[in-house]
Amino acid sequence: GQRGSFTGIEHTVAAIIEMFPIFSRVR
């Protein structure tokens, strides 16, 4: 399936916001 699971995206976005808090406001 060429989409993956939502938990993967959630995990990845959480990691990026940990490193770059200013990106939390980006859609």
mmCIF file of all heavy atoms, coordinates in Angstrom:
data_MODEL
# 
_entry.id   MODEL 
# 
loop_
_atom_site.group_PDB 
_atom_site.id 
_atom_site.type_symbol 
_atom_site.label_atom_id 
_atom_site.label_alt_id 
_atom_site.label_comp_id 
_atom_site.label_asym_id 
_atom_site.label_entity_id 
_atom_site.label_seq_id 
_atom_site.pdbx_PDB_ins_code 
_atom_site.Cartn_x 
_atom_site.Cartn_y 
_atom_site.Cartn_z 
_atom_site.occupancy 
_atom_site.B_iso_or_equiv 
_atom_site.pdbx_formal_charge 
_atom_site.auth_seq_id 
_atom_site.auth_comp_id 
_atom_site.auth_asym_id 
_atom_site.auth_atom_id 
_atom_site.pdbx_PDB_model_num 
ATOM 1   N N   . GLY A 1 1  ? 0.828  -1.204 0.000  1.00 0.00 ? 1  GLY A N   1 
ATOM 2   C CA  . GLY A 1 1  ? 0.000  0.000  0.000  1.00 0.00 ? 1  GLY A CA  1 
ATOM 3   C C   . GLY A 1 1  ? 0.860  1.251  0.000  1.00 0.00 ? 1  GLY A C   1 
ATOM 4   O O   . GLY A 1 1  ? 1.649  1.469  0.921  1.00 0.00 ? 1  GLY A O   1 
ATOM 5   N N   . GLN A 1 2  ? 0.710  2.095  -1.009 1.00 0.00 ? 2  GLN A N   1 
ATOM 6   C CA  . GLN A 1 2  ? 1.570  3.271  -1.157 1.00 0.00 ? 2  GLN A CA  1 
ATOM 7   C C   . GLN A 1 2  ? 1.019  4.449  -0.354 1.00 0.00 ? 2  GLN A C   1 
ATOM 8   O O   . GLN A 1 2  ? 0.774  5.524  -0.887 1.00 0.00 ? 2  GLN A O   1 
ATOM 9   C CB  . GLN A 1 2  ? 1.723  3.625  -2.632 1.00 0.00 ? 2  GLN A CB  1 
ATOM 10  C CG  . GLN A 1 2  ? 2.576  2.618  -3.382 1.00 0.00 ? 2  GLN A CG  1 
ATOM 11  C CD  . GLN A 1 2  ? 2.758  3.003  -4.834 1.00 0.00 ? 2  GLN A CD  1 
ATOM 12  O OE1 . GLN A 1 2  ? 1.808  3.352  -5.517 1.00 0.00 ? 2  GLN A OE1 1 
ATOM 13  N NE2 . GLN A 1 2  ? 3.973  2.942  -5.312 1.00 0.00 ? 2  GLN A NE2 1 
ATOM 14  N N   . ARG A 1 3  ? 0.844  4.222  0.933  1.00 0.00 ? 3  ARG A N   1 
ATOM 15  C CA  . ARG A 1 3  ? 0.377  5.306  1.797  1.00 0.00 ? 3  ARG A CA  1 
ATOM 16  C C   . ARG A 1 3  ? 0.956  5.184  3.201  1.00 0.00 ? 3  ARG A C   1 
ATOM 17  O O   . ARG A 1 3  ? 1.334  6.166  3.794  1.00 0.00 ? 3  ARG A O   1 
ATOM 18  C CB  . ARG A 1 3  ? -1.153 5.337  1.847  1.00 0.00 ? 3  ARG A CB  1 
ATOM 19  C CG  . ARG A 1 3  ? -1.790 4.035  2.300  1.00 0.00 ? 3  ARG A CG  1 
ATOM 20  C CD  . ARG A 1 3  ? -3.310 4.083  2.181  1.00 0.00 ? 3  ARG A CD  1 
ATOM 21  N NE  . ARG A 1 3  ? -3.909 2.858  2.697  1.00 0.00 ? 3  ARG A NE  1 
ATOM 22  C CZ  . ARG A 1 3  ? -4.066 1.754  2.006  1.00 0.00 ? 3  ARG A CZ  1 
ATOM 23  N NH1 . ARG A 1 3  ? -3.657 1.716  0.746  1.00 0.00 ? 3  ARG A NH1 1 
ATOM 24  N NH2 . ARG A 1 3  ? -4.629 0.683  2.533  1.00 0.00 ? 3  ARG A NH2 1 
ATOM 25  N N   . GLY A 1 4  ? 1.020  3.973  3.774  1.00 0.00 ? 4  GLY A N   1 
ATOM 26  C CA  . GLY A 1 4  ? 1.526  3.811  5.128  1.00 0.00 ? 4  GLY A CA  1 
ATOM 27  C C   . GLY A 1 4  ? 0.466  4.130  6.164  1.00 0.00 ? 4  GLY A C   1 
ATOM 28  O O   . GLY A 1 4  ? -0.662 4.501  5.847  1.00 0.00 ? 4  GLY A O   1 
ATOM 29  N N   . SER A 1 5  ? 0.834  4.000  7.424  1.00 0.00 ? 5  SER A N   1 
ATOM 30  C CA  . SER A 1 5  ? -0.117 4.198  8.519  1.00 0.00 ? 5  SER A CA  1 
ATOM 31  C C   . SER A 1 5  ? -0.003 5.609  9.090  1.00 0.00 ? 5  SER A C   1 
ATOM 32  O O   . SER A 1 5  ? 1.063  6.228  9.054  1.00 0.00 ? 5  SER A O   1 
ATOM 33  C CB  . SER A 1 5  ? 0.153  3.186  9.634  1.00 0.00 ? 5  SER A CB  1 
ATOM 34  O OG  . SER A 1 5  ? 1.446  3.381  10.171 1.00 0.00 ? 5  SER A OG  1 
ATOM 35  N N   . PHE A 1 6  ? -1.103 6.089  9.670  1.00 0.00 ? 6  PHE A N   1 
ATOM 36  C CA  . PHE A 1 6  ? -1.100 7.439  10.222 1.00 0.00 ? 6  PHE A CA  1 
ATOM 37  C C   . PHE A 1 6  ? -0.142 7.561  11.406 1.00 0.00 ? 6  PHE A C   1 
ATOM 38  O O   . PHE A 1 6  ? 0.436  8.627  11.639 1.00 0.00 ? 6  PHE A O   1 
ATOM 39  C CB  . PHE A 1 6  ? -2.506 7.851  10.655 1.00 0.00 ? 6  PHE A CB  1 
ATOM 40  C CG  . PHE A 1 6  ? -2.561 9.225  11.246 1.00 0.00 ? 6  PHE A CG  1 
ATOM 41  C CD1 . PHE A 1 6  ? -2.447 10.345 10.445 1.00 0.00 ? 6  PHE A CD1 1 
ATOM 42  C CD2 . PHE A 1 6  ? -2.665 9.401  12.618 1.00 0.00 ? 6  PHE A CD2 1 
ATOM 43  C CE1 . PHE A 1 6  ? -2.460 11.612 10.986 1.00 0.00 ? 6  PHE A CE1 1 
ATOM 44  C CE2 . PHE A 1 6  ? -2.677 10.671 13.169 1.00 0.00 ? 6  PHE A CE2 1 
ATOM 45  C CZ  . PHE A 1 6  ? -2.578 11.781 12.353 1.00 0.00 ? 6  PHE A CZ  1 
ATOM 46  N N   . THR A 1 7  ? 0.014  6.479  12.175 1.00 0.00 ? 7  THR A N   1 
ATOM 47  C CA  . THR A 1 7  ? 0.911  6.549  13.334 1.00 0.00 ? 7  THR A CA  1 
ATOM 48  C C   . THR A 1 7  ? 2.343  6.869  12.918 1.00 0.00 ? 7  THR A C   1 
ATOM 49  O O   . THR A 1 7  ? 3.076  7.520  13.657 1.00 0.00 ? 7  THR A O   1 
ATOM 50  C CB  . THR A 1 7  ? 0.890  5.224  14.121 1.00 0.00 ? 7  THR A CB  1 
ATOM 51  O OG1 . THR A 1 7  ? 1.158  4.136  13.219 1.00 0.00 ? 7  THR A OG1 1 
ATOM 52  C CG2 . THR A 1 7  ? -0.460 5.001  14.780 1.00 0.00 ? 7  THR A CG2 1 
ATOM 53  N N   . GLY A 1 8  ? 2.733  6.430  11.717 1.00 0.00 ? 8  GLY A N   1 
ATOM 54  C CA  . GLY A 1 8  ? 4.071  6.763  11.223 1.00 0.00 ? 8  GLY A CA  1 
ATOM 55  C C   . GLY A 1 8  ? 4.242  8.249  10.996 1.00 0.00 ? 8  GLY A C   1 
ATOM 56  O O   . GLY A 1 8  ? 5.264  8.847  11.366 1.00 0.00 ? 8  GLY A O   1 
ATOM 57  N N   . ILE A 1 9  ? 3.240  8.871  10.397 1.00 0.00 ? 9  ILE A N   1 
ATOM 58  C CA  . ILE A 1 9  ? 3.276  10.315 10.168 1.00 0.00 ? 9  ILE A CA  1 
ATOM 59  C C   . ILE A 1 9  ? 3.271  11.067 11.495 1.00 0.00 ? 9  ILE A C   1 
ATOM 60  O O   . ILE A 1 9  ? 4.005  12.039 11.709 1.00 0.00 ? 9  ILE A O   1 
ATOM 61  C CB  . ILE A 1 9  ? 2.076  10.736 9.297  1.00 0.00 ? 9  ILE A CB  1 
ATOM 62  C CG1 . ILE A 1 9  ? 2.273  10.251 7.855  1.00 0.00 ? 9  ILE A CG1 1 
ATOM 63  C CG2 . ILE A 1 9  ? 1.888  12.250 9.322  1.00 0.00 ? 9  ILE A CG2 1 
ATOM 64  C CD1 . ILE A 1 9  ? 3.417  10.887 7.121  1.00 0.00 ? 9  ILE A CD1 1 
ATOM 65  N N   . GLU A 1 10 ? 2.416  10.627 12.416 1.00 0.00 ? 10 GLU A N   1 
ATOM 66  C CA  . GLU A 1 10 ? 2.334  11.274 13.718 1.00 0.00 ? 10 GLU A CA  1 
ATOM 67  C C   . GLU A 1 10 ? 3.678  11.224 14.439 1.00 0.00 ? 10 GLU A C   1 
ATOM 68  O O   . GLU A 1 10 ? 4.147  12.225 15.006 1.00 0.00 ? 10 GLU A O   1 
ATOM 69  C CB  . GLU A 1 10 ? 1.256  10.575 14.554 1.00 0.00 ? 10 GLU A CB  1 
ATOM 70  C CG  . GLU A 1 10 ? 0.916  11.269 15.857 1.00 0.00 ? 10 GLU A CG  1 
ATOM 71  C CD  . GLU A 1 10 ? -0.207 10.567 16.589 1.00 0.00 ? 10 GLU A CD  1 
ATOM 72  O OE1 . GLU A 1 10 ? -0.217 9.318  16.602 1.00 0.00 ? 10 GLU A OE1 1 
ATOM 73  O OE2 . GLU A 1 10 ? -1.070 11.251 17.154 1.00 0.00 ? 10 GLU A OE2 1 
ATOM 74  N N   . HIS A 1 11 ? 4.317  10.067 14.397 1.00 0.00 ? 11 HIS A N   1 
ATOM 75  C CA  . HIS A 1 11 ? 5.628  9.878  15.028 1.00 0.00 ? 11 HIS A CA  1 
ATOM 76  C C   . HIS A 1 11 ? 6.665  10.804 14.393 1.00 0.00 ? 11 HIS A C   1 
ATOM 77  O O   . HIS A 1 11 ? 7.461  11.446 15.094 1.00 0.00 ? 11 HIS A O   1 
ATOM 78  C CB  . HIS A 1 11 ? 6.038  8.410  14.878 1.00 0.00 ? 11 HIS A CB  1 
ATOM 79  C CG  . HIS A 1 11 ? 7.472  8.126  15.148 1.00 0.00 ? 11 HIS A CG  1 
ATOM 80  N ND1 . HIS A 1 11 ? 7.963  7.911  16.421 1.00 0.00 ? 11 HIS A ND1 1 
ATOM 81  C CD2 . HIS A 1 11 ? 8.545  8.023  14.327 1.00 0.00 ? 11 HIS A CD2 1 
ATOM 82  C CE1 . HIS A 1 11 ? 9.269  7.680  16.359 1.00 0.00 ? 11 HIS A CE1 1 
ATOM 83  N NE2 . HIS A 1 11 ? 9.631  7.742  15.103 1.00 0.00 ? 11 HIS A NE2 1 
ATOM 84  N N   . THR A 1 12 ? 6.648  10.888 13.070 1.00 0.00 ? 12 THR A N   1 
ATOM 85  C CA  . THR A 1 12 ? 7.635  11.692 12.352 1.00 0.00 ? 12 THR A CA  1 
ATOM 86  C C   . THR A 1 12 ? 7.448  13.181 12.635 1.00 0.00 ? 12 THR A C   1 
ATOM 87  O O   . THR A 1 12 ? 8.416  13.905 12.908 1.00 0.00 ? 12 THR A O   1 
ATOM 88  C CB  . THR A 1 12 ? 7.535  11.423 10.837 1.00 0.00 ? 12 THR A CB  1 
ATOM 89  O OG1 . THR A 1 12 ? 7.704  10.030 10.597 1.00 0.00 ? 12 THR A OG1 1 
ATOM 90  C CG2 . THR A 1 12 ? 8.589  12.210 10.080 1.00 0.00 ? 12 THR A CG2 1 
ATOM 91  N N   . VAL A 1 13 ? 6.214  13.651 12.560 1.00 0.00 ? 13 VAL A N   1 
ATOM 92  C CA  . VAL A 1 13 ? 5.943  15.066 12.809 1.00 0.00 ? 13 VAL A CA  1 
ATOM 93  C C   . VAL A 1 13 ? 6.312  15.442 14.245 1.00 0.00 ? 13 VAL A C   1 
ATOM 94  O O   . VAL A 1 13 ? 6.893  16.507 14.500 1.00 0.00 ? 13 VAL A O   1 
ATOM 95  C CB  . VAL A 1 13 ? 4.464  15.387 12.516 1.00 0.00 ? 13 VAL A CB  1 
ATOM 96  C CG1 . VAL A 1 13 ? 4.105  16.780 13.007 1.00 0.00 ? 13 VAL A CG1 1 
ATOM 97  C CG2 . VAL A 1 13 ? 4.188  15.269 11.023 1.00 0.00 ? 13 VAL A CG2 1 
ATOM 98  N N   . ALA A 1 14 ? 6.012  14.564 15.194 1.00 0.00 ? 14 ALA A N   1 
ATOM 99  C CA  . ALA A 1 14 ? 6.377  14.822 16.593 1.00 0.00 ? 14 ALA A CA  1 
ATOM 100 C C   . ALA A 1 14 ? 7.889  14.965 16.740 1.00 0.00 ? 14 ALA A C   1 
ATOM 101 O O   . ALA A 1 14 ? 8.375  15.826 17.488 1.00 0.00 ? 14 ALA A O   1 
ATOM 102 C CB  . ALA A 1 14 ? 5.862  13.698 17.483 1.00 0.00 ? 14 ALA A CB  1 
ATOM 103 N N   . ALA A 1 15 ? 8.649  14.127 16.012 1.00 0.00 ? 15 ALA A N   1 
ATOM 104 C CA  . ALA A 1 15 ? 10.109 14.195 16.073 1.00 0.00 ? 15 ALA A CA  1 
ATOM 105 C C   . ALA A 1 15 ? 10.633 15.515 15.524 1.00 0.00 ? 15 ALA A C   1 
ATOM 106 O O   . ALA A 1 15 ? 11.538 16.132 16.104 1.00 0.00 ? 15 ALA A O   1 
ATOM 107 C CB  . ALA A 1 15 ? 10.710 13.025 15.290 1.00 0.00 ? 15 ALA A CB  1 
ATOM 108 N N   . ILE A 1 16 ? 10.057 15.959 14.419 1.00 0.00 ? 16 ILE A N   1 
ATOM 109 C CA  . ILE A 1 16 ? 10.506 17.212 13.803 1.00 0.00 ? 16 ILE A CA  1 
ATOM 110 C C   . ILE A 1 16 ? 10.204 18.396 14.720 1.00 0.00 ? 16 ILE A C   1 
ATOM 111 O O   . ILE A 1 16 ? 11.026 19.316 14.880 1.00 0.00 ? 16 ILE A O   1 
ATOM 112 C CB  . ILE A 1 16 ? 9.843  17.403 12.421 1.00 0.00 ? 16 ILE A CB  1 
ATOM 113 C CG1 . ILE A 1 16 ? 10.293 16.291 11.464 1.00 0.00 ? 16 ILE A CG1 1 
ATOM 114 C CG2 . ILE A 1 16 ? 10.181 18.774 11.854 1.00 0.00 ? 16 ILE A CG2 1 
ATOM 115 C CD1 . ILE A 1 16 ? 11.791 16.180 11.262 1.00 0.00 ? 16 ILE A CD1 1 
ATOM 116 N N   . ILE A 1 17 ? 9.033  18.385 15.371 1.00 0.00 ? 17 ILE A N   1 
ATOM 117 C CA  . ILE A 1 17 ? 8.680  19.488 16.269 1.00 0.00 ? 17 ILE A CA  1 
ATOM 118 C C   . ILE A 1 17 ? 9.568  19.481 17.513 1.00 0.00 ? 17 ILE A C   1 
ATOM 119 O O   . ILE A 1 17 ? 9.876  20.541 18.077 1.00 0.00 ? 17 ILE A O   1 
ATOM 120 C CB  . ILE A 1 17 ? 7.179  19.407 16.641 1.00 0.00 ? 17 ILE A CB  1 
ATOM 121 C CG1 . ILE A 1 17 ? 6.341  19.691 15.390 1.00 0.00 ? 17 ILE A CG1 1 
ATOM 122 C CG2 . ILE A 1 17 ? 6.826  20.412 17.741 1.00 0.00 ? 17 ILE A CG2 1 
ATOM 123 C CD1 . ILE A 1 17 ? 4.861  19.483 15.583 1.00 0.00 ? 17 ILE A CD1 1 
ATOM 124 N N   . GLU A 1 18 ? 10.011 18.302 17.962 1.00 0.00 ? 18 GLU A N   1 
ATOM 125 C CA  . GLU A 1 18 ? 10.969 18.236 19.065 1.00 0.00 ? 18 GLU A CA  1 
ATOM 126 C C   . GLU A 1 18 ? 12.238 19.013 18.712 1.00 0.00 ? 18 GLU A C   1 
ATOM 127 O O   . GLU A 1 18 ? 12.799 19.736 19.537 1.00 0.00 ? 18 GLU A O   1 
ATOM 128 C CB  . GLU A 1 18 ? 11.332 16.787 19.382 1.00 0.00 ? 18 GLU A CB  1 
ATOM 129 C CG  . GLU A 1 18 ? 10.260 15.991 20.090 1.00 0.00 ? 18 GLU A CG  1 
ATOM 130 C CD  . GLU A 1 18 ? 10.178 16.320 21.563 1.00 0.00 ? 18 GLU A CD  1 
ATOM 131 O OE1 . GLU A 1 18 ? 11.030 17.070 22.069 1.00 0.00 ? 18 GLU A OE1 1 
ATOM 132 O OE2 . GLU A 1 18 ? 9.237  15.845 22.215 1.00 0.00 ? 18 GLU A OE2 1 
ATOM 133 N N   . MET A 1 19 ? 12.692 18.843 17.477 1.00 0.00 ? 19 MET A N   1 
ATOM 134 C CA  . MET A 1 19 ? 13.939 19.481 17.059 1.00 0.00 ? 19 MET A CA  1 
ATOM 135 C C   . MET A 1 19 ? 13.737 20.933 16.638 1.00 0.00 ? 19 MET A C   1 
ATOM 136 O O   . MET A 1 19 ? 14.596 21.781 16.881 1.00 0.00 ? 19 MET A O   1 
ATOM 137 C CB  . MET A 1 19 ? 14.562 18.687 15.903 1.00 0.00 ? 19 MET A CB  1 
ATOM 138 C CG  . MET A 1 19 ? 15.009 17.291 16.288 1.00 0.00 ? 19 MET A CG  1 
ATOM 139 S SD  . MET A 1 19 ? 15.967 16.478 14.985 1.00 0.00 ? 19 MET A SD  1 
ATOM 140 C CE  . MET A 1 19 ? 14.722 16.176 13.749 1.00 0.00 ? 19 MET A CE  1 
ATOM 141 N N   . PHE A 1 20 ? 12.611 21.217 15.995 1.00 0.00 ? 20 PHE A N   1 
ATOM 142 C CA  . PHE A 1 20 ? 12.321 22.560 15.486 1.00 0.00 ? 20 PHE A CA  1 
ATOM 143 C C   . PHE A 1 20 ? 10.957 23.012 16.019 1.00 0.00 ? 20 PHE A C   1 
ATOM 144 O O   . PHE A 1 20 ? 9.936  22.882 15.326 1.00 0.00 ? 20 PHE A O   1 
ATOM 145 C CB  . PHE A 1 20 ? 12.298 22.559 13.953 1.00 0.00 ? 20 PHE A CB  1 
ATOM 146 C CG  . PHE A 1 20 ? 13.607 22.248 13.300 1.00 0.00 ? 20 PHE A CG  1 
ATOM 147 C CD1 . PHE A 1 20 ? 13.950 20.940 12.997 1.00 0.00 ? 20 PHE A CD1 1 
ATOM 148 C CD2 . PHE A 1 20 ? 14.499 23.259 12.980 1.00 0.00 ? 20 PHE A CD2 1 
ATOM 149 C CE1 . PHE A 1 20 ? 15.157 20.642 12.387 1.00 0.00 ? 20 PHE A CE1 1 
ATOM 150 C CE2 . PHE A 1 20 ? 15.711 22.976 12.360 1.00 0.00 ? 20 PHE A CE2 1 
ATOM 151 C CZ  . PHE A 1 20 ? 16.043 21.668 12.070 1.00 0.00 ? 20 PHE A CZ  1 
ATOM 152 N N   . PRO A 1 21 ? 10.900 23.517 17.233 1.00 0.00 ? 21 PRO A N   1 
ATOM 153 C CA  . PRO A 1 21 ? 9.602  23.917 17.799 1.00 0.00 ? 21 PRO A CA  1 
ATOM 154 C C   . PRO A 1 21 ? 8.840  24.921 16.941 1.00 0.00 ? 21 PRO A C   1 
ATOM 155 O O   . PRO A 1 21 ? 7.601  24.923 16.950 1.00 0.00 ? 21 PRO A O   1 
ATOM 156 C CB  . PRO A 1 21 ? 9.982  24.521 19.150 1.00 0.00 ? 21 PRO A CB  1 
ATOM 157 C CG  . PRO A 1 21 ? 11.290 23.882 19.504 1.00 0.00 ? 21 PRO A CG  1 
ATOM 158 C CD  . PRO A 1 21 ? 11.999 23.680 18.205 1.00 0.00 ? 21 PRO A CD  1 
ATOM 159 N N   . ILE A 1 22 ? 9.547  25.766 16.196 1.00 0.00 ? 22 ILE A N   1 
ATOM 160 C CA  . ILE A 1 22 ? 8.845  26.776 15.387 1.00 0.00 ? 22 ILE A CA  1 
ATOM 161 C C   . ILE A 1 22 ? 8.018  26.143 14.276 1.00 0.00 ? 22 ILE A C   1 
ATOM 162 O O   . ILE A 1 22 ? 7.082  26.764 13.760 1.00 0.00 ? 22 ILE A O   1 
ATOM 163 C CB  . ILE A 1 22 ? 9.822  27.812 14.784 1.00 0.00 ? 22 ILE A CB  1 
ATOM 164 C CG1 . ILE A 1 22 ? 10.808 27.151 13.811 1.00 0.00 ? 22 ILE A CG1 1 
ATOM 165 C CG2 . ILE A 1 22 ? 10.550 28.581 15.853 1.00 0.00 ? 22 ILE A CG2 1 
ATOM 166 C CD1 . ILE A 1 22 ? 11.589 28.153 12.980 1.00 0.00 ? 22 ILE A CD1 1 
ATOM 167 N N   . PHE A 1 23 ? 8.335  24.895 13.906 1.00 0.00 ? 23 PHE A N   1 
ATOM 168 C CA  . PHE A 1 23 ? 7.578  24.250 12.829 1.00 0.00 ? 23 PHE A CA  1 
ATOM 169 C C   . PHE A 1 23 ? 6.210  23.757 13.303 1.00 0.00 ? 23 PHE A C   1 
ATOM 170 O O   . PHE A 1 23 ? 5.415  23.268 12.492 1.00 0.00 ? 23 PHE A O   1 
ATOM 171 C CB  . PHE A 1 23 ? 8.368  23.066 12.244 1.00 0.00 ? 23 PHE A CB  1 
ATOM 172 C CG  . PHE A 1 23 ? 9.617  23.465 11.499 1.00 0.00 ? 23 PHE A CG  1 
ATOM 173 C CD1 . PHE A 1 23 ? 10.584 22.524 11.168 1.00 0.00 ? 23 PHE A CD1 1 
ATOM 174 C CD2 . PHE A 1 23 ? 9.826  24.783 11.119 1.00 0.00 ? 23 PHE A CD2 1 
ATOM 175 C CE1 . PHE A 1 23 ? 11.736 22.886 10.488 1.00 0.00 ? 23 PHE A CE1 1 
ATOM 176 C CE2 . PHE A 1 23 ? 10.977 25.159 10.433 1.00 0.00 ? 23 PHE A CE2 1 
ATOM 177 C CZ  . PHE A 1 23 ? 11.932 24.215 10.111 1.00 0.00 ? 23 PHE A CZ  1 
ATOM 178 N N   . SER A 1 24 ? 5.924  23.869 14.587 1.00 0.00 ? 24 SER A N   1 
ATOM 179 C CA  . SER A 1 24 ? 4.624  23.405 15.095 1.00 0.00 ? 24 SER A CA  1 
ATOM 180 C C   . SER A 1 24 ? 3.465  24.204 14.510 1.00 0.00 ? 24 SER A C   1 
ATOM 181 O O   . SER A 1 24 ? 2.322  23.733 14.511 1.00 0.00 ? 24 SER A O   1 
ATOM 182 C CB  . SER A 1 24 ? 4.598  23.480 16.625 1.00 0.00 ? 24 SER A CB  1 
ATOM 183 O OG  . SER A 1 24 ? 4.709  24.827 17.052 1.00 0.00 ? 24 SER A OG  1 
ATOM 184 N N   . ARG A 1 25 ? 3.737  25.376 14.002 1.00 0.00 ? 25 ARG A N   1 
ATOM 185 C CA  . ARG A 1 25 ? 2.687  26.235 13.447 1.00 0.00 ? 25 ARG A CA  1 
ATOM 186 C C   . ARG A 1 25 ? 2.490  26.007 11.948 1.00 0.00 ? 25 ARG A C   1 
ATOM 187 O O   . ARG A 1 25 ? 1.593  26.597 11.334 1.00 0.00 ? 25 ARG A O   1 
ATOM 188 C CB  . ARG A 1 25 ? 3.011  27.705 13.703 1.00 0.00 ? 25 ARG A CB  1 
ATOM 189 C CG  . ARG A 1 25 ? 3.105  28.056 15.183 1.00 0.00 ? 25 ARG A CG  1 
ATOM 190 C CD  . ARG A 1 25 ? 3.550  29.500 15.380 1.00 0.00 ? 25 ARG A CD  1 
ATOM 191 N NE  . ARG A 1 25 ? 2.598  30.446 14.822 1.00 0.00 ? 25 ARG A NE  1 
ATOM 192 C CZ  . ARG A 1 25 ? 1.536  30.916 15.460 1.00 0.00 ? 25 ARG A CZ  1 
ATOM 193 N NH1 . ARG A 1 25 ? 1.279  30.509 16.693 1.00 0.00 ? 25 ARG A NH1 1 
ATOM 194 N NH2 . ARG A 1 25 ? 0.725  31.774 14.903 1.00 0.00 ? 25 ARG A NH2 1 
ATOM 195 N N   . VAL A 1 26 ? 3.319  25.164 11.364 1.00 0.00 ? 26 VAL A N   1 
ATOM 196 C CA  . VAL A 1 26 ? 3.259  24.929 9.914  1.00 0.00 ? 26 VAL A CA  1 
ATOM 197 C C   . VAL A 1 26 ? 2.247  23.829 9.613  1.00 0.00 ? 26 VAL A C   1 
ATOM 198 O O   . VAL A 1 26 ? 2.167  22.830 10.324 1.00 0.00 ? 26 VAL A O   1 
ATOM 199 C CB  . VAL A 1 26 ? 4.652  24.542 9.382  1.00 0.00 ? 26 VAL A CB  1 
ATOM 200 C CG1 . VAL A 1 26 ? 4.596  24.222 7.891  1.00 0.00 ? 26 VAL A CG1 1 
ATOM 201 C CG2 . VAL A 1 26 ? 5.650  25.663 9.651  1.00 0.00 ? 26 VAL A CG2 1 
ATOM 202 N N   . ARG A 1 27 ? 1.481  23.992 8.545  1.00 0.00 ? 27 ARG A N   1 
ATOM 203 C CA  . ARG A 1 27 ? 0.495  22.990 8.155  1.00 0.00 ? 27 ARG A CA  1 
ATOM 204 C C   . ARG A 1 27 ? 1.116  21.947 7.225  1.00 0.00 ? 27 ARG A C   1 
ATOM 205 O O   . ARG A 1 27 ? 1.942  22.285 6.379  1.00 0.00 ? 27 ARG A O   1 
ATOM 206 C CB  . ARG A 1 27 ? -0.682 23.645 7.427  1.00 0.00 ? 27 ARG A CB  1 
ATOM 207 C CG  . ARG A 1 27 ? -1.520 24.556 8.302  1.00 0.00 ? 27 ARG A CG  1 
ATOM 208 C CD  . ARG A 1 27 ? -2.665 25.142 7.479  1.00 0.00 ? 27 ARG A CD  1 
ATOM 209 N NE  . ARG A 1 27 ? -3.540 25.983 8.287  1.00 0.00 ? 27 ARG A NE  1 
ATOM 210 C CZ  . ARG A 1 27 ? -3.356 27.274 8.500  1.00 0.00 ? 27 ARG A CZ  1 
ATOM 211 N NH1 . ARG A 1 27 ? -2.302 27.883 7.971  1.00 0.00 ? 27 ARG A NH1 1 
ATOM 212 N NH2 . ARG A 1 27 ? -4.197 27.964 9.237  1.00 0.00 ? 27 ARG A NH2 1 
# 
